[in-house]
């Protein structure tokens, strides 16, 4: 048996970690205000059933966040602020991945964060942010010592894991490691016994193919996977290849549509309904104002009959290259 296990996201949470938006390079004026509102809506959906731990740079930023939260109806219930400086909001990728040991105790596994293959020098600071989160838990952190972002893996909590070759085998992450060596780290620290290697992620994703934009576990043996109906779209071939790999397993596959393509003058945005977050009693689903928003909501509601699916407008959030799942990290409850 593996010594450590990464619980499935649907297992009970003690808290969800977030980092309040404040980076003007990610969200310029005119957009960041709308992203703050999106964050407030996420927090309202979360706070009824679990603690919400929010990183802010200092007391001034805490007061700014409190004003927005009060205006949007969040109040103070289950909200805790941590004065921990961060460069950006993508806490999924630099926070520790919380695992359980053989006794069911929760431990932070702090991986190295290198800003998506050293793409963004200003974001490298968030490796230290992740260390500060680990320290704030008061628990001794595990340190595997290799580069890994939380958005690059997804698990069923019982030994099966999803990831992509585009990300984990990318030479800008761990060029000194073979595929087998990476698999050993995933087994030793996250409890992965069977790893399903998909190929590539979606266009517009600057993370080199994070799996949380394409395929997610929604049950022990069930996944949702995005598919592109338009054969002329850049995503069609890659998503079809991923689906073909999944069909070679014994997993039940539920297809999610891709949202309508969204572009800004500089680039294509990485929109995906797969970037949802499974909270204690709710599922936070990014929606984009398109015709398939309701279809995606209905599909996810079928997958999670005991949870309420909460659609949250994410057009502004995805401007910063990420979605709801990218901006959240679960801390599970101790015990089995």
C-alpha atoms as a PDB file:
ATOM      1  CA  UNK A   1       0.000   0.000   0.000  1.00  0.00           C
ATOM      2  CA  UNK A   2       1.268   3.521  -0.761  1.00  0.00           C
ATOM      3  CA  UNK A   3       2.308   5.481   2.303  1.00  0.00           C
ATOM      4  CA  UNK A   4       0.387   8.579   1.195  1.00  0.00           C
ATOM      5  CA  UNK A   5      -2.884   9.086  -0.655  1.00  0.00           C
ATOM      6  CA  UNK A   6      -4.305  12.116  -2.412  1.00  0.00           C
ATOM      7  CA  UNK A   7      -8.038  12.071  -1.628  1.00  0.00           C
ATOM      8  CA  UNK A   8     -10.567  12.577  -4.401  1.00  0.00           C
ATOM      9  CA  UNK A   9     -11.889  16.110  -4.571  1.00  0.00           C
ATOM     10  CA  UNK A  10     -15.382  14.974  -3.580  1.00  0.00           C
ATOM     11  CA  UNK A  11     -14.139  13.640  -0.241  1.00  0.00           C
ATOM     12  CA  UNK A  12     -14.987  15.920   2.734  1.00  0.00           C
ATOM     13  CA  UNK A  13     -13.083  19.214   2.932  1.00  0.00           C
ATOM     14  CA  UNK A  14     -12.006  21.093   5.992  1.00  0.00           C
ATOM     15  CA  UNK A  15     -11.332  24.171   3.872  1.00  0.00           C
ATOM     16  CA  UNK A  16     -10.791  25.637   0.433  1.00  0.00           C
ATOM     17  CA  UNK A  17      -7.768  27.881  -0.173  1.00  0.00           C
ATOM     18  CA  UNK A  18      -7.969  30.928  -2.460  1.00  0.00           C
ATOM     19  CA  UNK A  19      -5.672  33.865  -3.242  1.00  0.00           C
ATOM     20  CA  UNK A  20      -7.456  37.205  -3.639  1.00  0.00           C
ATOM     21  CA  UNK A  21      -6.876  38.765  -7.114  1.00  0.00           C
ATOM     22  CA  UNK A  22      -4.435  41.676  -7.073  1.00  0.00           C
ATOM     23  CA  UNK A  23      -1.977  41.270  -9.976  1.00  0.00           C
ATOM     24  CA  UNK A  24      -2.570  44.027 -12.600  1.00  0.00           C
ATOM     25  CA  UNK A  25      -0.593  42.091 -15.206  1.00  0.00           C
ATOM     26  CA  UNK A  26      -3.074  39.209 -14.951  1.00  0.00           C
ATOM     27  CA  UNK A  27      -6.179  41.377 -14.622  1.00  0.00           C
ATOM     28  CA  UNK A  28      -5.860  45.024 -15.681  1.00  0.00           C
ATOM     29  CA  UNK A  29      -8.189  47.735 -14.362  1.00  0.00           C
ATOM     30  CA  UNK A  30     -11.714  47.265 -15.675  1.00  0.00           C
ATOM     31  CA  UNK A  31     -11.342  43.497 -15.544  1.00  0.00           C
ATOM     32  CA  UNK A  32     -10.000  42.934 -12.039  1.00  0.00           C
ATOM     33  CA  UNK A  33     -13.115  44.471 -10.480  1.00  0.00           C
ATOM     34  CA  UNK A  34     -15.282  41.926 -12.265  1.00  0.00           C
ATOM     35  CA  UNK A  35     -12.927  39.104 -11.232  1.00  0.00           C
ATOM     36  CA  UNK A  36     -13.243  40.220  -7.609  1.00  0.00           C
ATOM     37  CA  UNK A  37     -17.001  39.849  -7.983  1.00  0.00           C
ATOM     38  CA  UNK A  38     -16.491  36.348  -9.428  1.00  0.00           C
ATOM     39  CA  UNK A  39     -14.357  35.452  -6.421  1.00  0.00           C
ATOM     40  CA  UNK A  40     -17.049  36.742  -4.091  1.00  0.00           C
ATOM     41  CA  UNK A  41     -19.638  34.555  -5.823  1.00  0.00           C
ATOM     42  CA  UNK A  42     -17.341  31.535  -5.438  1.00  0.00           C
ATOM     43  CA  UNK A  43     -16.868  32.293  -1.746  1.00  0.00           C
ATOM     44  CA  UNK A  44     -20.611  32.679  -1.164  1.00  0.00           C
ATOM     45  CA  UNK A  45     -21.122  29.247  -2.727  1.00  0.00           C
ATOM     46  CA  UNK A  46     -18.402  27.703  -0.557  1.00  0.00           C
ATOM     47  CA  UNK A  47     -18.785  29.297   2.855  1.00  0.00           C
ATOM     48  CA  UNK A  48     -22.003  27.600   3.930  1.00  0.00           C
ATOM     49  CA  UNK A  49     -20.392  24.166   4.098  1.00  0.00           C
ATOM     50  CA  UNK A  50     -16.655  24.635   4.594  1.00  0.00           C
ATOM     51  CA  UNK A  51     -14.031  27.125   5.706  1.00  0.00           C
ATOM     52  CA  UNK A  52     -12.657  29.479   3.078  1.00  0.00           C
ATOM     53  CA  UNK A  53      -8.999  30.426   3.595  1.00  0.00           C
ATOM     54  CA  UNK A  54      -8.122  33.563   1.635  1.00  0.00           C
ATOM     55  CA  UNK A  55      -4.589  34.783   1.006  1.00  0.00           C
ATOM     56  CA  UNK A  56      -4.125  38.562   1.000  1.00  0.00           C
ATOM     57  CA  UNK A  57      -0.844  40.445   0.868  1.00  0.00           C
ATOM     58  CA  UNK A  58      -1.496  42.544   3.976  1.00  0.00           C
ATOM     59  CA  UNK A  59      -4.166  44.224   6.124  1.00  0.00           C
ATOM     60  CA  UNK A  60      -4.894  46.815   3.423  1.00  0.00           C
ATOM     61  CA  UNK A  61      -5.707  44.085   0.914  1.00  0.00           C
ATOM     62  CA  UNK A  62      -7.765  42.267   3.521  1.00  0.00           C
ATOM     63  CA  UNK A  63      -9.931  45.349   3.990  1.00  0.00           C
ATOM     64  CA  UNK A  64     -10.375  45.689   0.207  1.00  0.00           C
ATOM     65  CA  UNK A  65     -11.487  42.069   0.010  1.00  0.00           C
ATOM     66  CA  UNK A  66     -13.864  42.474   2.955  1.00  0.00           C
ATOM     67  CA  UNK A  67     -15.566  45.425   1.249  1.00  0.00           C
ATOM     68  CA  UNK A  68     -16.201  43.370  -1.889  1.00  0.00           C
ATOM     69  CA  UNK A  69     -17.385  40.344   0.070  1.00  0.00           C
ATOM     70  CA  UNK A  70     -19.775  42.417   2.156  1.00  0.00           C
ATOM     71  CA  UNK A  71     -21.193  44.060  -0.960  1.00  0.00           C
ATOM     72  CA  UNK A  72     -21.761  40.679  -2.606  1.00  0.00           C
ATOM     73  CA  UNK A  73     -23.445  39.167   0.460  1.00  0.00           C
ATOM     74  CA  UNK A  74     -20.655  36.961   1.777  1.00  0.00           C
ATOM     75  CA  UNK A  75     -20.273  38.491   5.205  1.00  0.00           C
ATOM     76  CA  UNK A  76     -17.736  36.765   7.490  1.00  0.00           C
ATOM     77  CA  UNK A  77     -19.087  33.255   7.973  1.00  0.00           C
ATOM     78  CA  UNK A  78     -16.361  30.581   7.707  1.00  0.00           C
ATOM     79  CA  UNK A  79     -13.941  33.089   6.133  1.00  0.00           C
ATOM     80  CA  UNK A  80     -10.359  33.291   7.376  1.00  0.00           C
ATOM     81  CA  UNK A  81      -7.761  35.681   5.981  1.00  0.00           C
ATOM     82  CA  UNK A  82      -4.066  34.841   5.880  1.00  0.00           C
ATOM     83  CA  UNK A  83      -1.544  37.626   5.351  1.00  0.00           C
ATOM     84  CA  UNK A  84       0.559  35.659   2.899  1.00  0.00           C
ATOM     85  CA  UNK A  85       1.954  37.485  -0.098  1.00  0.00           C
ATOM     86  CA  UNK A  86       1.281  35.935  -3.507  1.00  0.00           C
ATOM     87  CA  UNK A  87       2.137  36.864  -7.063  1.00  0.00           C
ATOM     88  CA  UNK A  88      -1.041  35.474  -8.622  1.00  0.00           C
ATOM     89  CA  UNK A  89      -4.300  33.673  -7.908  1.00  0.00           C
ATOM     90  CA  UNK A  90      -3.527  30.203  -9.272  1.00  0.00           C
ATOM     91  CA  UNK A  91      -3.295  28.558  -5.874  1.00  0.00           C
ATOM     92  CA  UNK A  92      -4.105  25.123  -7.351  1.00  0.00           C
ATOM     93  CA  UNK A  93      -0.665  25.079  -8.897  1.00  0.00           C
ATOM     94  CA  UNK A  94       1.616  26.432  -6.168  1.00  0.00           C
ATOM     95  CA  UNK A  95      -0.155  25.443  -2.945  1.00  0.00           C
ATOM     96  CA  UNK A  96       0.678  22.114  -1.324  1.00  0.00           C
ATOM     97  CA  UNK A  97      -1.344  19.134  -2.477  1.00  0.00           C
ATOM     98  CA  UNK A  98      -2.935  17.865   0.722  1.00  0.00           C
ATOM     99  CA  UNK A  99      -2.523  14.123   1.185  1.00  0.00           C
ATOM    100  CA  UNK A 100      -3.366  11.606   3.895  1.00  0.00           C
ATOM    101  CA  UNK A 101      -0.987   9.206   5.566  1.00  0.00           C
ATOM    102  CA  UNK A 102      -1.768   5.657   6.655  1.00  0.00           C
ATOM    103  CA  UNK A 103      -3.482   6.943   9.808  1.00  0.00           C
ATOM    104  CA  UNK A 104      -5.690   9.382   7.899  1.00  0.00           C
ATOM    105  CA  UNK A 105      -3.781  12.453   9.063  1.00  0.00           C
ATOM    106  CA  UNK A 106      -3.643  15.294   6.522  1.00  0.00           C
ATOM    107  CA  UNK A 107      -0.210  16.499   5.431  1.00  0.00           C
ATOM    108  CA  UNK A 108       0.795  19.201   2.922  1.00  0.00           C
ATOM    109  CA  UNK A 109       2.946  17.848   0.087  1.00  0.00           C
ATOM    110  CA  UNK A 110       4.851  20.875  -1.190  1.00  0.00           C
ATOM    111  CA  UNK A 111       6.098  20.377  -4.724  1.00  0.00           C
ATOM    112  CA  UNK A 112       8.378  22.792  -6.550  1.00  0.00           C
ATOM    113  CA  UNK A 113       6.554  25.478  -8.562  1.00  0.00           C
ATOM    114  CA  UNK A 114       8.545  26.964 -11.458  1.00  0.00           C
ATOM    115  CA  UNK A 115       5.867  29.179 -13.058  1.00  0.00           C
ATOM    116  CA  UNK A 116       4.905  26.723 -15.799  1.00  0.00           C
ATOM    117  CA  UNK A 117       8.367  25.924 -17.028  1.00  0.00           C
ATOM    118  CA  UNK A 118       9.914  29.300 -16.104  1.00  0.00           C
ATOM    119  CA  UNK A 119       7.547  31.152 -18.442  1.00  0.00           C
ATOM    120  CA  UNK A 120       6.827  33.968 -15.972  1.00  0.00           C
ATOM    121  CA  UNK A 121       9.679  35.309 -13.870  1.00  0.00           C
ATOM    122  CA  UNK A 122       7.328  37.434 -11.753  1.00  0.00           C
ATOM    123  CA  UNK A 123       5.292  34.365 -10.752  1.00  0.00           C
ATOM    124  CA  UNK A 124       8.254  32.375  -9.438  1.00  0.00           C
ATOM    125  CA  UNK A 125       7.627  33.990  -6.045  1.00  0.00           C
ATOM    126  CA  UNK A 126       4.589  31.768  -5.621  1.00  0.00           C
ATOM    127  CA  UNK A 127       6.847  28.829  -4.865  1.00  0.00           C
ATOM    128  CA  UNK A 128       7.488  30.637  -1.566  1.00  0.00           C
ATOM    129  CA  UNK A 129       3.749  31.347  -1.243  1.00  0.00           C
ATOM    130  CA  UNK A 130       3.141  27.619  -1.298  1.00  0.00           C
ATOM    131  CA  UNK A 131       5.715  27.150   1.449  1.00  0.00           C
ATOM    132  CA  UNK A 132       3.923  29.785   3.532  1.00  0.00           C
ATOM    133  CA  UNK A 133       0.599  27.966   3.093  1.00  0.00           C
ATOM    134  CA  UNK A 134       2.201  24.744   4.263  1.00  0.00           C
ATOM    135  CA  UNK A 135       3.650  26.535   7.290  1.00  0.00           C
ATOM    136  CA  UNK A 136       0.266  28.107   8.094  1.00  0.00           C
ATOM    137  CA  UNK A 137      -1.289  24.656   8.468  1.00  0.00           C
ATOM    138  CA  UNK A 138       1.052  23.915  11.367  1.00  0.00           C
ATOM    139  CA  UNK A 139       1.827  20.516   9.860  1.00  0.00           C
ATOM    140  CA  UNK A 140       5.180  19.124   8.788  1.00  0.00           C
ATOM    141  CA  UNK A 141       5.345  19.344   5.001  1.00  0.00           C
ATOM    142  CA  UNK A 142       6.416  16.582   2.658  1.00  0.00           C
ATOM    143  CA  UNK A 143       8.855  17.812   0.006  1.00  0.00           C
ATOM    144  CA  UNK A 144       9.201  15.489  -2.983  1.00  0.00           C
ATOM    145  CA  UNK A 145      11.655  17.944  -4.547  1.00  0.00           C
ATOM    146  CA  UNK A 146      10.363  17.887  -8.126  1.00  0.00           C
ATOM    147  CA  UNK A 147       8.263  20.306 -10.159  1.00  0.00           C
ATOM    148  CA  UNK A 148       4.519  19.583 -10.166  1.00  0.00           C
ATOM    149  CA  UNK A 149       1.403  21.748 -10.365  1.00  0.00           C
ATOM    150  CA  UNK A 150      -1.870  20.644  -8.803  1.00  0.00           C
ATOM    151  CA  UNK A 151      -3.798  21.303 -12.017  1.00  0.00           C
ATOM    152  CA  UNK A 152      -1.701  18.757 -13.887  1.00  0.00           C
ATOM    153  CA  UNK A 153      -3.139  15.743 -12.038  1.00  0.00           C
ATOM    154  CA  UNK A 154      -6.599  14.480 -11.101  1.00  0.00           C
ATOM    155  CA  UNK A 155      -7.371  11.437  -8.943  1.00  0.00           C
ATOM    156  CA  UNK A 156     -10.216   9.163  -7.877  1.00  0.00           C
ATOM    157  CA  UNK A 157      -8.779   8.782  -4.360  1.00  0.00           C
ATOM    158  CA  UNK A 158      -8.288   5.032  -4.828  1.00  0.00           C
ATOM    159  CA  UNK A 159      -5.107   4.889  -6.860  1.00  0.00           C
ATOM    160  CA  UNK A 160      -6.155   6.036 -10.343  1.00  0.00           C
ATOM    161  CA  UNK A 161      -4.727   9.241 -11.740  1.00  0.00           C
ATOM    162  CA  UNK A 162      -5.171  11.331 -14.885  1.00  0.00           C
ATOM    163  CA  UNK A 163      -2.430  13.508 -16.342  1.00  0.00           C
ATOM    164  CA  UNK A 164      -0.958  14.567 -19.679  1.00  0.00           C
ATOM    165  CA  UNK A 165       2.313  13.855 -21.428  1.00  0.00           C
ATOM    166  CA  UNK A 166       2.403  17.451 -22.678  1.00  0.00           C
ATOM    167  CA  UNK A 167       2.808  18.713 -19.125  1.00  0.00           C
ATOM    168  CA  UNK A 168       4.473  16.121 -16.921  1.00  0.00           C
ATOM    169  CA  UNK A 169       6.930  14.940 -19.587  1.00  0.00           C
ATOM    170  CA  UNK A 170       7.751  18.469 -20.706  1.00  0.00           C
ATOM    171  CA  UNK A 171      11.461  19.222 -20.519  1.00  0.00           C
ATOM    172  CA  UNK A 172      10.693  22.571 -18.890  1.00  0.00           C
ATOM    173  CA  UNK A 173       9.524  20.768 -15.742  1.00  0.00           C
ATOM    174  CA  UNK A 174      11.797  17.875 -14.731  1.00  0.00           C
ATOM    175  CA  UNK A 175      14.221  17.237 -17.610  1.00  0.00           C
ATOM    176  CA  UNK A 176      16.392  14.964 -15.441  1.00  0.00           C
ATOM    177  CA  UNK A 177      13.561  12.478 -14.804  1.00  0.00           C
ATOM    178  CA  UNK A 178      12.264   9.655 -16.974  1.00  0.00           C
ATOM    179  CA  UNK A 179       8.564   8.844 -17.269  1.00  0.00           C
ATOM    180  CA  UNK A 180       9.064   5.872 -14.937  1.00  0.00           C
ATOM    181  CA  UNK A 181      10.811   8.039 -12.362  1.00  0.00           C
ATOM    182  CA  UNK A 182       7.994  10.606 -12.462  1.00  0.00           C
ATOM    183  CA  UNK A 183       5.465   7.797 -12.018  1.00  0.00           C
ATOM    184  CA  UNK A 184       7.342   6.648  -8.922  1.00  0.00           C
ATOM    185  CA  UNK A 185       7.067  10.113  -7.351  1.00  0.00           C
ATOM    186  CA  UNK A 186       3.333  10.162  -8.135  1.00  0.00           C
ATOM    187  CA  UNK A 187       2.963   6.757  -6.535  1.00  0.00           C
ATOM    188  CA  UNK A 188       5.090   7.502  -3.468  1.00  0.00           C
ATOM    189  CA  UNK A 189       3.537  10.870  -2.598  1.00  0.00           C
ATOM    190  CA  UNK A 190       0.044  10.844  -4.141  1.00  0.00           C
ATOM    191  CA  UNK A 191      -0.792   7.144  -4.022  1.00  0.00           C
ATOM    192  CA  UNK A 192      -1.034   6.690  -7.795  1.00  0.00           C
ATOM    193  CA  UNK A 193      -1.131   3.012  -8.707  1.00  0.00           C
ATOM    194  CA  UNK A 194      -2.469   3.416 -12.251  1.00  0.00           C
ATOM    195  CA  UNK A 195      -1.712   6.547 -14.273  1.00  0.00           C
ATOM    196  CA  UNK A 196      -3.714   7.278 -17.394  1.00  0.00           C
ATOM    197  CA  UNK A 197      -1.516   9.380 -19.651  1.00  0.00           C
ATOM    198  CA  UNK A 198      -3.526  11.610 -21.962  1.00  0.00           C
ATOM    199  CA  UNK A 199      -1.706  13.481 -24.723  1.00  0.00           C
ATOM    200  CA  UNK A 200      -2.409  17.206 -24.908  1.00  0.00           C
ATOM    201  CA  UNK A 201      -4.487  19.994 -23.398  1.00  0.00           C
ATOM    202  CA  UNK A 202      -6.538  22.723 -25.030  1.00  0.00           C
ATOM    203  CA  UNK A 203      -5.504  25.720 -27.106  1.00  0.00           C
ATOM    204  CA  UNK A 204      -4.875  28.915 -25.174  1.00  0.00           C
ATOM    205  CA  UNK A 205      -3.711  27.049 -22.068  1.00  0.00           C
ATOM    206  CA  UNK A 206      -0.283  28.366 -21.053  1.00  0.00           C
ATOM    207  CA  UNK A 207       0.315  25.527 -18.567  1.00  0.00           C
ATOM    208  CA  UNK A 208       1.367  23.003 -21.225  1.00  0.00           C
ATOM    209  CA  UNK A 209      -1.798  20.937 -21.035  1.00  0.00           C
ATOM    210  CA  UNK A 210      -3.173  20.779 -17.509  1.00  0.00           C
ATOM    211  CA  UNK A 211      -5.586  17.894 -17.213  1.00  0.00           C
ATOM    212  CA  UNK A 212      -8.159  19.903 -15.236  1.00  0.00           C
ATOM    213  CA  UNK A 213      -9.175  21.596 -18.486  1.00  0.00           C
ATOM    214  CA  UNK A 214      -9.877  18.345 -20.324  1.00  0.00           C
ATOM    215  CA  UNK A 215     -10.781  15.315 -18.171  1.00  0.00           C
ATOM    216  CA  UNK A 216     -11.886  14.941 -14.545  1.00  0.00           C
ATOM    217  CA  UNK A 217     -12.927  12.137 -12.247  1.00  0.00           C
ATOM    218  CA  UNK A 218     -16.528  12.504 -11.073  1.00  0.00           C
ATOM    219  CA  UNK A 219     -16.690   9.052  -9.473  1.00  0.00           C
ATOM    220  CA  UNK A 220     -14.447   6.132  -8.630  1.00  0.00           C
ATOM    221  CA  UNK A 221     -14.693   4.732 -12.160  1.00  0.00           C
ATOM    222  CA  UNK A 222     -16.295   7.637 -14.025  1.00  0.00           C
ATOM    223  CA  UNK A 223     -14.808  10.646 -15.789  1.00  0.00           C
ATOM    224  CA  UNK A 224     -16.145  13.608 -17.676  1.00  0.00           C
ATOM    225  CA  UNK A 225     -14.107  14.509 -20.742  1.00  0.00           C
ATOM    226  CA  UNK A 226     -14.484  17.508 -23.014  1.00  0.00           C
ATOM    227  CA  UNK A 227     -14.992  16.951 -26.712  1.00  0.00           C
ATOM    228  CA  UNK A 228     -15.032  19.350 -29.656  1.00  0.00           C
ATOM    229  CA  UNK A 229     -17.781  18.870 -32.249  1.00  0.00           C
ATOM    230  CA  UNK A 230     -16.251  21.215 -34.832  1.00  0.00           C
ATOM    231  CA  UNK A 231     -13.754  19.212 -36.881  1.00  0.00           C
ATOM    232  CA  UNK A 232     -12.106  22.433 -38.075  1.00  0.00           C
ATOM    233  CA  UNK A 233     -11.371  23.637 -34.550  1.00  0.00           C
ATOM    234  CA  UNK A 234      -7.765  23.454 -33.311  1.00  0.00           C
ATOM    235  CA  UNK A 235      -8.893  21.397 -30.318  1.00  0.00           C
ATOM    236  CA  UNK A 236     -10.729  18.711 -32.291  1.00  0.00           C
ATOM    237  CA  UNK A 237      -7.850  16.338 -33.008  1.00  0.00           C
ATOM    238  CA  UNK A 238      -6.203  16.524 -29.571  1.00  0.00           C
ATOM    239  CA  UNK A 239      -9.454  16.034 -27.665  1.00  0.00           C
ATOM    240  CA  UNK A 240     -10.446  13.117 -29.901  1.00  0.00           C
ATOM    241  CA  UNK A 241      -7.071  11.483 -29.254  1.00  0.00           C
ATOM    242  CA  UNK A 242      -7.576  11.872 -25.509  1.00  0.00           C
ATOM    243  CA  UNK A 243     -11.051  10.343 -25.747  1.00  0.00           C
ATOM    244  CA  UNK A 244      -9.639   7.399 -27.694  1.00  0.00           C
ATOM    245  CA  UNK A 245      -7.148   6.771 -24.880  1.00  0.00           C
ATOM    246  CA  UNK A 246      -9.916   6.896 -22.282  1.00  0.00           C
ATOM    247  CA  UNK A 247     -12.015   4.462 -24.314  1.00  0.00           C
ATOM    248  CA  UNK A 248      -9.158   1.996 -24.010  1.00  0.00           C
ATOM    249  CA  UNK A 249      -9.705   1.886 -20.243  1.00  0.00           C
ATOM    250  CA  UNK A 250     -12.606   0.475 -18.247  1.00  0.00           C
ATOM    251  CA  UNK A 251     -13.715   3.943 -17.145  1.00  0.00           C
ATOM    252  CA  UNK A 252     -17.223   5.181 -17.801  1.00  0.00           C
ATOM    253  CA  UNK A 253     -16.868   8.292 -19.950  1.00  0.00           C
ATOM    254  CA  UNK A 254     -19.354  11.156 -19.961  1.00  0.00           C
ATOM    255  CA  UNK A 255     -18.660  13.740 -22.644  1.00  0.00           C
ATOM    256  CA  UNK A 256     -18.823  17.436 -21.886  1.00  0.00           C
ATOM    257  CA  UNK A 257     -19.137  19.924 -24.746  1.00  0.00           C
ATOM    258  CA  UNK A 258     -16.496  22.544 -25.301  1.00  0.00           C
ATOM    259  CA  UNK A 259     -17.821  26.087 -24.802  1.00  0.00           C
ATOM    260  CA  UNK A 260     -18.031  28.370 -27.793  1.00  0.00           C
ATOM    261  CA  UNK A 261     -14.604  29.692 -28.703  1.00  0.00           C
ATOM    262  CA  UNK A 262     -13.674  32.950 -26.973  1.00  0.00           C
ATOM    263  CA  UNK A 263     -10.909  35.223 -28.234  1.00  0.00           C
ATOM    264  CA  UNK A 264      -9.444  38.538 -27.231  1.00  0.00           C
ATOM    265  CA  UNK A 265      -7.240  40.542 -29.639  1.00  0.00           C
ATOM    266  CA  UNK A 266      -4.022  38.989 -28.310  1.00  0.00           C
ATOM    267  CA  UNK A 267      -4.998  35.334 -27.983  1.00  0.00           C
ATOM    268  CA  UNK A 268      -7.521  32.558 -27.648  1.00  0.00           C
ATOM    269  CA  UNK A 269      -8.893  32.027 -24.146  1.00  0.00           C
ATOM    270  CA  UNK A 270      -8.690  28.528 -22.563  1.00  0.00           C
ATOM    271  CA  UNK A 271     -12.403  28.100 -21.853  1.00  0.00           C
ATOM    272  CA  UNK A 272     -13.560  24.729 -20.540  1.00  0.00           C
ATOM    273  CA  UNK A 273     -16.464  23.364 -18.524  1.00  0.00           C
ATOM    274  CA  UNK A 274     -14.074  20.756 -17.083  1.00  0.00           C
ATOM    275  CA  UNK A 275     -12.453  23.384 -14.878  1.00  0.00           C
ATOM    276  CA  UNK A 276     -15.104  22.979 -12.164  1.00  0.00           C
ATOM    277  CA  UNK A 277     -14.460  22.645  -8.431  1.00  0.00           C
ATOM    278  CA  UNK A 278     -16.112  19.989  -6.251  1.00  0.00           C
ATOM    279  CA  UNK A 279     -16.905  21.487  -2.839  1.00  0.00           C
ATOM    280  CA  UNK A 280     -18.568  19.822   0.165  1.00  0.00           C
ATOM    281  CA  UNK A 281     -22.166  20.336  -0.897  1.00  0.00           C
ATOM    282  CA  UNK A 282     -21.761  22.168  -4.183  1.00  0.00           C
ATOM    283  CA  UNK A 283     -19.986  22.052  -7.513  1.00  0.00           C
ATOM    284  CA  UNK A 284     -18.752  25.398  -8.825  1.00  0.00           C
ATOM    285  CA  UNK A 285     -19.038  25.308 -12.614  1.00  0.00           C
ATOM    286  CA  UNK A 286     -17.491  27.934 -14.895  1.00  0.00           C
ATOM    287  CA  UNK A 287     -19.913  29.167 -17.542  1.00  0.00           C
ATOM    288  CA  UNK A 288     -19.296  31.597 -20.372  1.00  0.00           C
ATOM    289  CA  UNK A 289     -22.635  32.911 -21.603  1.00  0.00           C
ATOM    290  CA  UNK A 290     -22.969  30.397 -24.431  1.00  0.00           C
ATOM    291  CA  UNK A 291     -25.643  27.980 -25.609  1.00  0.00           C
ATOM    292  CA  UNK A 292     -23.974  24.970 -23.941  1.00  0.00           C
ATOM    293  CA  UNK A 293     -23.886  26.467 -20.437  1.00  0.00           C
ATOM    294  CA  UNK A 294     -27.165  24.779 -19.483  1.00  0.00           C
ATOM    295  CA  UNK A 295     -26.165  21.481 -21.090  1.00  0.00           C
ATOM    296  CA  UNK A 296     -22.929  21.420 -19.091  1.00  0.00           C
ATOM    297  CA  UNK A 297     -24.803  22.322 -15.909  1.00  0.00           C
ATOM    298  CA  UNK A 298     -27.287  19.496 -16.461  1.00  0.00           C
ATOM    299  CA  UNK A 299     -24.516  16.965 -17.159  1.00  0.00           C
ATOM    300  CA  UNK A 300     -22.615  17.900 -13.994  1.00  0.00           C
ATOM    301  CA  UNK A 301     -25.821  17.848 -11.949  1.00  0.00           C
ATOM    302  CA  UNK A 302     -26.403  14.268 -13.099  1.00  0.00           C
ATOM    303  CA  UNK A 303     -22.858  13.387 -12.032  1.00  0.00           C
ATOM    304  CA  UNK A 304     -23.338  14.911  -8.573  1.00  0.00           C
ATOM    305  CA  UNK A 305     -26.945  14.274  -7.491  1.00  0.00           C
ATOM    306  CA  UNK A 306     -26.105  15.024  -3.854  1.00  0.00           C
ATOM    307  CA  UNK A 307     -24.562  18.398  -4.599  1.00  0.00           C
ATOM    308  CA  UNK A 308     -25.946  21.596  -6.074  1.00  0.00           C
ATOM    309  CA  UNK A 309     -24.189  22.675  -9.276  1.00  0.00           C
ATOM    310  CA  UNK A 310     -23.639  26.445  -9.091  1.00  0.00           C
ATOM    311  CA  UNK A 311     -22.921  28.070 -12.473  1.00  0.00           C
ATOM    312  CA  UNK A 312     -20.506  30.996 -12.107  1.00  0.00           C
ATOM    313  CA  UNK A 313     -19.775  33.396 -14.950  1.00  0.00           C
ATOM    314  CA  UNK A 314     -16.071  32.917 -15.712  1.00  0.00           C
ATOM    315  CA  UNK A 315     -15.439  34.952 -18.875  1.00  0.00           C
ATOM    316  CA  UNK A 316     -13.391  37.493 -16.944  1.00  0.00           C
ATOM    317  CA  UNK A 317     -11.619  34.896 -14.810  1.00  0.00           C
ATOM    318  CA  UNK A 318     -10.367  32.997 -17.855  1.00  0.00           C
ATOM    319  CA  UNK A 319      -8.842  36.227 -19.222  1.00  0.00           C
ATOM    320  CA  UNK A 320      -6.002  35.440 -16.787  1.00  0.00           C
ATOM    321  CA  UNK A 321      -5.448  31.987 -18.387  1.00  0.00           C
ATOM    322  CA  UNK A 322      -7.275  29.957 -15.733  1.00  0.00           C
ATOM    323  CA  UNK A 323     -10.627  28.984 -14.285  1.00  0.00           C
ATOM    324  CA  UNK A 324     -12.399  28.110 -11.053  1.00  0.00           C
ATOM    325  CA  UNK A 325     -10.481  24.894 -10.417  1.00  0.00           C
ATOM    326  CA  UNK A 326      -7.165  26.649 -11.055  1.00  0.00           C
ATOM    327  CA  UNK A 327      -8.022  29.247  -8.398  1.00  0.00           C
ATOM    328  CA  UNK A 328      -8.965  26.785  -5.629  1.00  0.00           C
ATOM    329  CA  UNK A 329      -7.242  24.107  -3.561  1.00  0.00           C
ATOM    330  CA  UNK A 330      -9.016  21.741  -1.208  1.00  0.00           C
ATOM    331  CA  UNK A 331      -7.756  20.770   2.237  1.00  0.00           C
ATOM    332  CA  UNK A 332      -9.437  17.501   3.228  1.00  0.00           C
ATOM    333  CA  UNK A 333     -10.755  16.538   6.636  1.00  0.00           C
ATOM    334  CA  UNK A 334      -8.535  14.221   8.663  1.00  0.00           C
ATOM    335  CA  UNK A 335      -9.552  10.578   9.006  1.00  0.00           C
ATOM    336  CA  UNK A 336     -10.853   7.908   6.687  1.00  0.00           C
END
